[in-house]
Amino acid sequence: MKMNKKAFHPSRRAAISVMGRGLGAAALALSMTALGTGAAFAQDWPNKPVRLVVPFPAGGSTDAVGRLLAAELAKDLGQNVIVENKGGANGNIGSDAVAKSEGDGYTLLLSGVGSNAINYSIYKSMPYSDKDFKHVSLLARGPNVLVANPEFPAKTFKEFIELAKAEPGKYTHASSGSGSSGHLAMEMLKQAAGIDLMHVPYKGGAAAITDTIGGRVSVLFLNQDNLLPQVQSGKLRALAVASEKRNPAYPDTPTIAESGYPGFAAESWFGLSAPAGTPDAVVDRLNKATVKALSNPELRNKLESVGFVIVASNPQEFSTFVSNEIDKWGKAAKESGATLD
């Protein structure tokens, strides 16, 4: 077989080399143009109202945090930030709407532990993934709190563990629903402490609180803000908080971590996220506005008064945090066998 010498002629190699350099230069030019366009867009953004989707009905913790944040962001951005409640499917409907929105900075999501961490493991099919979002900043965290009726035999967390170990399967634990953070927090504790309790899921926290007060269930894991009024009034006894450090709203309640289970944490959280296509320059602008909003004394006082701990993070920190949360809650969900359709 004869080799085609023309294919290796120096002039042809030179032409290919020039072509390669030309393509490289064109790609660089396109990249620089895209960066320039993104920067120019960010300078003009926002020039109309911004929509903040809260993926739960009005009136709950997520809605309250969203409205406080929206009011502060509006001051900094110079545009109205309109809260839109889009509930359903444990936050999936509203989150999916944002995931599929144009990444122009005008549609944002009040993200959270359920819709952006737990749901990925408990739903057999999800309409969106974490790759569909750019995470702007973590806003606040709040622990699940383990409570019991004041007449419950165990008066401390240590006594509760001893009681549960002595009579496996006798006691019950309530939650606001299968796959909720409270349900999975108990699954984490069951694994860590080697105890066995029967799960009693409710359709929401209110009914679970009522039956715990009435002594119809043994203990309840629920978010700290929902339980605070009942604990302060003496209707429920707080046995432990599921954060690594004590919560300011529950100063006399020990953490599970300090009670023999180092590193134990099961907290709800709220964050600000945007569609994946949102320009980095807009995400950075939003992050600065969010950090400023979280420094507002009035906003901080409102959230801290019910046990939330303010967190202001940069986009990379929040993205890493979300990834870790997906892994942690996913492990608990797998161990519990919790699934939703």
Protein backbone atom coordinates (compact mmCIF):
# COMPACT_ATOMS: atom_id res chain seq x y z
CA MET A 1 0.00 0.00 0.00
CA LYS A 2 1.47 3.38 -1.04
CA MET A 3 1.35 6.31 1.33
CA ASN A 4 -0.25 9.51 0.03
CA LYS A 5 2.58 11.99 0.38
CA LYS A 6 0.28 14.90 -0.41
CA ALA A 7 -1.53 14.33 2.88
CA PHE A 8 1.67 15.20 4.71
CA HIS A 9 2.82 18.14 2.63
CA PRO A 10 4.21 20.91 4.87
CA SER A 11 1.79 23.44 3.40
CA ARG A 12 -1.15 21.25 4.40
CA ARG A 13 0.18 20.89 7.95
CA ALA A 14 0.61 24.63 8.15
CA ALA A 15 -2.94 25.15 6.95
CA ILE A 16 -4.27 22.75 9.57
CA SER A 17 -2.20 24.51 12.26
CA VAL A 18 -3.53 27.90 11.23
CA MET A 19 -7.05 26.50 11.16
CA GLY A 20 -6.60 25.12 14.70
CA ARG A 21 -5.37 28.47 15.93
CA GLY A 22 -8.28 30.13 14.20
CA LEU A 23 -10.81 27.83 15.83
CA GLY A 24 -9.17 28.36 19.21
CA ALA A 25 -9.28 32.11 18.78
CA ALA A 26 -12.91 31.92 17.72
CA ALA A 27 -13.81 29.84 20.77
CA LEU A 28 -11.98 32.30 23.03
CA ALA A 29 -13.75 35.21 21.39
CA LEU A 30 -17.12 33.53 21.89
CA SER A 31 -16.27 32.83 25.53
CA MET A 32 -15.21 36.44 26.13
CA THR A 33 -18.36 37.65 24.38
CA ALA A 34 -20.49 35.44 26.63
CA LEU A 35 -18.72 36.76 29.71
CA GLY A 36 -19.17 40.31 28.49
CA THR A 37 -22.84 39.73 27.78
CA GLY A 38 -23.35 38.19 31.26
CA ALA A 39 -21.62 41.14 32.92
CA ALA A 40 -23.65 43.63 30.88
CA PHE A 41 -26.85 41.78 31.74
CA ALA A 42 -25.96 41.85 35.43
CA GLN A 43 -25.37 45.59 35.32
CA ASP A 44 -28.87 46.10 33.95
CA TRP A 45 -30.46 43.53 36.29
CA PRO A 46 -33.00 43.86 37.80
CA ASN A 47 -35.12 46.24 35.75
CA LYS A 48 -38.47 44.67 36.66
CA PRO A 49 -40.03 42.86 39.66
CA VAL A 50 -38.44 39.61 40.84
CA ARG A 51 -40.54 36.54 41.70
CA LEU A 52 -39.63 34.47 44.77
CA VAL A 53 -41.37 31.09 44.70
CA VAL A 54 -42.13 29.59 48.11
CA PRO A 55 -42.98 25.92 47.40
CA PHE A 56 -45.39 25.64 50.34
CA PRO A 57 -48.73 27.23 51.26
CA ALA A 58 -48.87 30.59 53.01
CA GLY A 59 -48.63 30.62 56.77
CA GLY A 60 -45.83 28.16 57.49
CA SER A 61 -42.19 28.62 58.46
CA THR A 62 -40.95 28.59 54.86
CA ASP A 63 -43.47 31.24 53.88
CA ALA A 64 -42.53 33.45 56.85
CA VAL A 65 -38.81 33.27 56.02
CA GLY A 66 -39.54 33.96 52.35
CA ARG A 67 -41.58 37.08 53.08
CA LEU A 68 -38.99 38.48 55.48
CA LEU A 69 -36.25 37.93 52.91
CA ALA A 70 -38.30 39.35 50.02
CA ALA A 71 -38.92 42.61 51.87
CA GLU A 72 -35.21 43.10 52.53
CA LEU A 73 -34.08 42.09 49.04
CA ALA A 74 -36.51 44.60 47.50
CA LYS A 75 -34.81 47.44 49.40
CA ASP A 76 -31.37 46.50 48.08
CA LEU A 77 -32.36 45.58 44.51
CA GLY A 78 -34.65 48.56 43.96
CA GLN A 79 -37.42 46.34 42.59
CA ASN A 80 -40.39 44.59 44.15
CA VAL A 81 -39.71 40.99 45.15
CA ILE A 82 -43.06 39.24 44.92
CA VAL A 83 -43.64 36.08 46.95
CA GLU A 84 -45.58 33.41 45.09
CA ASN A 85 -46.79 30.43 47.12
CA LYS A 86 -46.78 27.35 44.90
CA GLY A 87 -47.33 24.38 47.22
CA GLY A 88 -47.85 20.70 46.61
CA ALA A 89 -45.98 17.37 46.65
CA ASN A 90 -43.76 18.29 49.61
CA GLY A 91 -42.40 21.33 47.78
CA ASN A 92 -41.77 19.56 44.48
CA ILE A 93 -44.31 21.49 42.42
CA GLY A 94 -42.95 24.95 43.21
CA SER A 95 -39.34 23.80 43.02
CA ASP A 96 -39.91 22.17 39.64
CA ALA A 97 -41.50 25.37 38.33
CA VAL A 98 -38.33 27.28 39.21
CA ALA A 99 -36.06 24.54 37.86
CA LYS A 100 -37.77 24.86 34.48
CA SER A 101 -37.86 28.69 34.49
CA GLU A 102 -35.60 30.86 32.38
CA GLY A 103 -32.32 31.63 34.12
CA ASP A 104 -32.68 35.39 33.90
CA GLY A 105 -32.58 36.25 37.60
CA TYR A 106 -36.29 37.09 37.75
CA THR A 107 -37.47 33.75 39.18
CA LEU A 108 -35.97 32.51 42.46
CA LEU A 109 -36.68 29.67 44.87
CA LEU A 110 -36.91 29.60 48.65
CA SER A 111 -35.16 26.23 48.81
CA GLY A 112 -35.18 23.93 51.82
CA VAL A 113 -34.24 20.63 53.38
CA GLY A 114 -37.31 18.82 52.05
CA SER A 115 -37.59 19.99 48.46
CA ASN A 116 -33.84 20.25 47.86
CA ALA A 117 -32.40 17.36 49.88
CA ILE A 118 -34.81 14.79 51.39
CA ASN A 119 -37.20 14.53 48.43
CA TYR A 120 -34.49 13.22 46.12
CA SER A 121 -34.40 10.02 48.18
CA ILE A 122 -38.01 9.45 49.20
CA TYR A 123 -39.77 10.04 45.87
CA LYS A 124 -39.60 7.22 43.35
CA SER A 125 -39.46 9.77 40.54
CA MET A 126 -38.36 13.41 40.75
CA PRO A 127 -39.14 16.03 38.07
CA TYR A 128 -35.90 17.94 38.76
CA SER A 129 -32.42 17.38 40.19
CA ASP A 130 -29.86 19.43 42.08
CA LYS A 131 -28.16 20.16 38.75
CA ASP A 132 -31.16 22.28 37.79
CA PHE A 133 -30.22 24.96 40.33
CA LYS A 134 -27.55 27.48 41.17
CA HIS A 135 -27.51 27.95 44.93
CA VAL A 136 -27.16 31.54 46.12
CA SER A 137 -26.92 31.43 49.92
CA LEU A 138 -27.93 29.41 52.94
CA LEU A 139 -30.25 31.60 55.02
CA ALA A 140 -31.05 29.93 58.34
CA ARG A 141 -31.00 26.59 60.14
CA GLY A 142 -33.17 25.24 62.93
CA PRO A 143 -32.96 21.90 64.75
CA ASN A 144 -35.54 19.21 65.13
CA VAL A 145 -36.44 18.97 68.81
CA LEU A 146 -37.34 15.76 70.64
CA VAL A 147 -40.31 16.36 72.96
CA ALA A 148 -42.65 14.32 75.16
CA ASN A 149 -45.70 14.84 77.33
CA PRO A 150 -44.60 16.07 80.80
CA GLU A 151 -46.12 12.87 82.29
CA PHE A 152 -43.96 10.62 80.09
CA PRO A 153 -41.78 8.42 82.36
CA ALA A 154 -38.49 9.68 80.90
CA LYS A 155 -37.70 13.21 82.07
CA THR A 156 -34.34 13.51 80.31
CA PHE A 157 -32.84 12.38 77.01
CA LYS A 158 -30.63 9.85 78.81
CA GLU A 159 -33.67 8.36 80.57
CA PHE A 160 -35.51 8.18 77.24
CA ILE A 161 -32.71 6.17 75.62
CA GLU A 162 -32.54 3.84 78.63
CA LEU A 163 -36.33 3.36 78.57
CA ALA A 164 -36.39 2.66 74.83
CA LYS A 165 -33.54 0.14 75.12
CA ALA A 166 -35.19 -1.64 78.05
CA GLU A 167 -38.45 -2.23 76.17
CA PRO A 168 -37.82 -2.33 72.40
CA GLY A 169 -40.87 -1.61 70.26
CA LYS A 170 -43.08 -0.51 73.16
CA TYR A 171 -42.89 3.24 72.58
CA THR A 172 -44.04 5.32 69.64
CA HIS A 173 -42.63 8.36 67.89
CA ALA A 174 -44.76 10.80 65.96
CA SER A 175 -43.77 12.90 62.96
CA SER A 176 -45.44 15.40 60.65
CA GLY A 177 -45.36 12.79 57.90
CA SER A 178 -43.46 9.90 56.37
CA GLY A 179 -40.18 11.17 54.96
CA SER A 180 -40.28 14.43 56.93
CA SER A 181 -37.12 15.69 58.61
CA GLY A 182 -38.55 14.69 62.00
CA HIS A 183 -39.25 11.15 60.82
CA LEU A 184 -35.76 10.75 59.38
CA ALA A 185 -34.16 12.42 62.41
CA MET A 186 -35.58 9.63 64.56
CA GLU A 187 -34.35 7.05 62.07
CA MET A 188 -30.86 8.52 62.46
CA LEU A 189 -31.20 8.34 66.25
CA LYS A 190 -32.52 4.78 66.17
CA GLN A 191 -29.47 3.73 64.18
CA ALA A 192 -27.04 5.69 66.37
CA ALA A 193 -28.49 4.59 69.73
CA GLY A 194 -29.67 1.11 68.83
CA ILE A 195 -33.28 1.69 69.89
CA ASP A 196 -36.59 0.56 68.39
CA LEU A 197 -39.75 2.72 68.34
CA MET A 198 -42.88 2.49 66.21
CA HIS A 199 -43.39 5.36 63.78
CA VAL A 200 -46.75 7.16 63.78
CA PRO A 201 -46.88 9.59 60.82
CA TYR A 202 -49.39 12.45 60.80
CA LYS A 203 -50.57 14.74 58.03
CA GLY A 204 -48.83 17.81 59.37
CA GLY A 205 -47.25 18.96 62.60
CA ALA A 206 -50.37 20.33 64.31
CA ALA A 207 -52.06 16.93 64.70
CA ALA A 208 -48.80 15.33 65.84
CA ILE A 209 -48.37 18.02 68.52
CA THR A 210 -51.95 17.57 69.73
CA ASP A 211 -51.58 13.81 70.17
CA THR A 212 -48.20 14.17 71.89
CA ILE A 213 -49.68 16.66 74.35
CA GLY A 214 -52.54 14.24 74.91
CA GLY A 215 -50.14 11.35 75.57
CA ARG A 216 -51.45 9.27 72.67
CA VAL A 217 -47.90 8.98 71.31
CA SER A 218 -44.70 8.75 73.32
CA VAL A 219 -42.37 11.29 71.72
CA LEU A 220 -42.24 13.66 68.76
CA PHE A 221 -39.41 15.05 66.62
CA LEU A 222 -40.41 18.37 65.00
CA ASN A 223 -38.93 21.72 64.00
CA GLN A 224 -37.99 24.01 66.86
CA ASP A 225 -40.23 26.95 65.89
CA ASN A 226 -43.38 24.79 65.78
CA LEU A 227 -42.73 23.37 69.25
CA LEU A 228 -41.47 26.45 71.08
CA PRO A 229 -44.88 27.76 72.31
CA GLN A 230 -45.84 24.34 73.73
CA VAL A 231 -42.46 23.90 75.41
CA GLN A 232 -42.53 27.41 76.89
CA SER A 233 -46.07 26.86 78.22
CA GLY A 234 -45.12 23.52 79.80
CA LYS A 235 -47.47 21.47 77.65
CA LEU A 236 -44.49 19.57 76.24
CA ARG A 237 -41.08 18.74 77.68
CA ALA A 238 -38.02 19.20 75.46
CA LEU A 239 -35.66 16.24 75.89
CA ALA A 240 -32.98 17.18 73.33
CA VAL A 241 -32.24 19.31 70.29
CA ALA A 242 -30.75 17.82 67.12
CA SER A 243 -28.09 20.44 66.42
CA GLU A 244 -24.39 20.23 67.16
CA LYS A 245 -24.60 23.30 69.42
CA ARG A 246 -27.35 24.28 71.85
CA ASN A 247 -30.09 26.39 70.37
CA PRO A 248 -30.55 29.92 71.79
CA ALA A 249 -34.32 29.42 72.07
CA TYR A 250 -33.77 26.19 74.04
CA PRO A 251 -30.76 27.15 76.20
CA ASP A 252 -31.41 24.54 78.91
CA THR A 253 -32.04 21.67 76.51
CA PRO A 254 -29.00 19.49 75.77
CA THR A 255 -28.01 18.52 72.26
CA ILE A 256 -28.01 14.89 71.18
CA ALA A 257 -24.39 15.46 70.14
CA GLU A 258 -23.33 16.38 73.69
CA SER A 259 -25.39 13.53 75.13
CA GLY A 260 -23.20 10.75 73.83
CA TYR A 261 -23.65 10.97 70.05
CA PRO A 262 -20.94 13.35 68.73
CA GLY A 263 -21.68 14.97 65.38
CA PHE A 264 -25.39 14.12 65.46
CA ALA A 265 -27.38 16.80 63.63
CA ALA A 266 -30.80 16.81 61.99
CA GLU A 267 -31.82 20.33 61.11
CA SER A 268 -34.25 22.01 58.81
CA TRP A 269 -32.84 24.84 56.71
CA PHE A 270 -33.81 27.50 54.22
CA GLY A 271 -31.81 28.89 51.32
CA LEU A 272 -32.08 31.00 48.20
CA SER A 273 -31.60 29.27 44.85
CA ALA A 274 -32.05 30.13 41.17
CA PRO A 275 -32.41 28.21 37.89
CA ALA A 276 -29.16 26.66 36.65
CA GLY A 277 -28.92 29.02 33.67
CA THR A 278 -28.75 32.17 35.80
CA PRO A 279 -25.58 34.19 35.02
CA ASP A 280 -22.89 33.97 37.69
CA ALA A 281 -22.77 37.75 37.88
CA VAL A 282 -26.47 37.81 38.83
CA VAL A 283 -25.95 35.03 41.39
CA ASP A 284 -23.12 37.05 42.94
CA ARG A 285 -25.29 40.18 43.01
CA LEU A 286 -28.08 38.20 44.67
CA ASN A 287 -25.65 36.75 47.19
CA LYS A 288 -24.44 40.20 48.24
CA ALA A 289 -28.04 41.40 48.60
CA THR A 290 -28.95 38.31 50.63
CA VAL A 291 -26.00 38.62 53.00
CA LYS A 292 -26.93 42.26 53.54
CA ALA A 293 -30.57 41.30 54.18
CA LEU A 294 -29.53 38.74 56.79
CA SER A 295 -27.61 41.40 58.68
CA ASN A 296 -30.80 43.43 59.24
CA PRO A 297 -31.45 43.46 63.03
CA GLU A 298 -35.24 43.26 62.66
CA LEU A 299 -35.08 40.23 60.37
CA ARG A 300 -32.51 38.54 62.60
CA ASN A 301 -34.56 39.13 65.74
CA LYS A 302 -37.72 37.71 64.19
CA LEU A 303 -35.99 34.51 63.11
CA GLU A 304 -33.79 34.07 66.18
CA SER A 305 -36.74 34.58 68.53
CA VAL A 306 -38.20 31.26 67.34
CA GLY A 307 -34.92 29.38 67.32
CA PHE A 308 -33.51 29.88 63.84
CA VAL A 309 -29.76 30.36 63.55
CA ILE A 310 -28.85 32.85 60.80
CA VAL A 311 -26.32 31.65 58.23
CA ALA A 312 -24.98 33.76 55.38
CA SER A 313 -22.87 31.74 52.97
CA ASN A 314 -21.39 32.23 49.53
CA PRO A 315 -22.70 30.24 46.54
CA GLN A 316 -19.93 27.62 46.64
CA GLU A 317 -20.37 27.01 50.37
CA PHE A 318 -24.11 26.62 49.96
CA SER A 319 -23.72 24.27 46.99
CA THR A 320 -21.36 22.06 48.99
CA PHE A 321 -23.73 22.14 51.95
CA VAL A 322 -26.68 21.03 49.79
CA SER A 323 -24.64 18.18 48.31
CA ASN A 324 -23.72 16.96 51.79
CA GLU A 325 -27.33 17.22 52.94
CA ILE A 326 -28.55 15.15 49.99
CA ASP A 327 -26.10 12.42 50.98
CA LYS A 328 -26.93 12.53 54.71
CA TRP A 329 -30.70 12.49 54.39
CA GLY A 330 -30.50 9.98 51.55
CA LYS A 331 -28.73 7.53 53.85
CA ALA A 332 -31.41 8.00 56.55
CA ALA A 333 -34.20 7.57 54.00
CA LYS A 334 -32.66 4.34 52.69
CA GLU A 335 -32.33 2.93 56.21
CA SER A 336 -35.94 3.86 57.04
CA GLY A 337 -37.38 2.58 53.77
CA ALA A 338 -39.51 5.75 53.51
CA THR A 339 -40.92 6.36 50.04
CA LEU A 340 -43.58 8.61 48.51
CA ASP A 341 -45.25 8.48 45.10
